[in-house]
Amino acid sequence: MEIFKFFQKEQGLNEAKIEPSLVGQPIQPQKKRYRDAAPRIKKIVETYKEIDMMDYLRGLSHNFSF
């Protein structure tokens, strides 16, 4: 019975996290590094058909770090 209550609570928390995204609101504020990288990546993606594939992939790779 205890595990059932745990799963109910967990399901409720997950639904509460998902609901804002269904109406177009961001779930969490983005970290600064992602806010900064998004416009750069978008600009590179927009040049997909205009540049060499290796240059395209190299440009994208410079915007990611692990």
Protein backbone atom coordinates (compact mmCIF):
# COMPACT_ATOMS: atom_id res chain seq x y z
CA MET A 1 0.00 0.00 0.00
CA GLU A 2 2.88 2.38 0.77
CA ILE A 3 4.39 1.98 -2.70
CA PHE A 4 1.02 2.83 -4.24
CA LYS A 5 0.93 6.14 -2.36
CA PHE A 6 4.49 6.86 -3.45
CA PHE A 7 3.60 6.30 -7.11
CA GLN A 8 0.50 8.46 -6.81
CA LYS A 9 2.54 11.30 -5.33
CA GLU A 10 5.25 10.92 -7.98
CA GLN A 11 2.65 10.89 -10.76
CA GLY A 12 1.11 14.08 -9.39
CA LEU A 13 4.50 15.81 -9.29
CA ASN A 14 5.26 14.77 -12.87
CA GLU A 15 1.89 16.00 -14.10
CA ALA A 16 2.45 19.32 -12.32
CA LYS A 17 5.78 19.69 -14.15
CA ILE A 18 4.32 18.76 -17.55
CA GLU A 19 1.14 20.85 -17.43
CA PRO A 20 2.79 24.28 -17.94
CA SER A 21 4.57 23.04 -21.06
CA LEU A 22 1.25 21.94 -22.56
CA VAL A 23 0.00 25.53 -22.46
CA GLY A 24 3.22 26.95 -23.88
CA GLN A 25 5.02 28.00 -20.72
CA PRO A 26 8.62 26.94 -20.11
CA ILE A 27 9.03 24.31 -17.43
CA GLN A 28 12.17 25.81 -15.92
CA PRO A 29 14.14 28.91 -16.72
CA GLN A 30 17.04 28.06 -19.00
CA LYS A 31 20.56 28.30 -17.70
CA LYS A 32 22.61 31.20 -19.01
CA ARG A 33 24.89 28.96 -21.07
CA TYR A 34 21.89 27.58 -22.99
CA ARG A 35 20.33 31.03 -23.48
CA ASP A 36 23.64 32.24 -24.91
CA ALA A 37 24.19 29.20 -27.14
CA ALA A 38 20.67 29.01 -28.62
CA PRO A 39 20.97 32.03 -30.99
CA ARG A 40 24.41 30.90 -32.16
CA ILE A 41 23.17 27.39 -32.89
CA LYS A 42 20.07 28.72 -34.63
CA LYS A 43 22.22 30.89 -36.89
CA ILE A 44 24.37 27.90 -37.85
CA VAL A 45 21.33 25.68 -38.47
CA GLU A 46 19.88 28.31 -40.81
CA THR A 47 22.99 27.97 -43.01
CA TYR A 48 22.58 24.19 -43.36
CA LYS A 49 22.15 24.14 -47.16
CA GLU A 50 24.60 26.96 -47.84
CA ILE A 51 27.86 25.61 -46.41
CA ASP A 52 29.95 22.46 -46.61
CA MET A 53 28.74 19.64 -44.32
CA MET A 54 32.04 19.43 -42.42
CA ASP A 55 32.06 23.18 -41.78
CA TYR A 56 28.44 22.95 -40.63
CA LEU A 57 29.19 20.13 -38.19
CA ARG A 58 32.37 21.84 -36.99
CA GLY A 59 30.44 25.04 -36.31
CA LEU A 60 27.83 23.16 -34.32
CA SER A 61 30.44 21.23 -32.36
CA HIS A 62 32.08 24.45 -31.16
CA ASN A 63 28.86 25.30 -29.33
CA PHE A 64 28.74 22.12 -27.26
CA SER A 65 30.91 21.00 -24.38
CA PHE A 66 30.59 17.92 -22.21
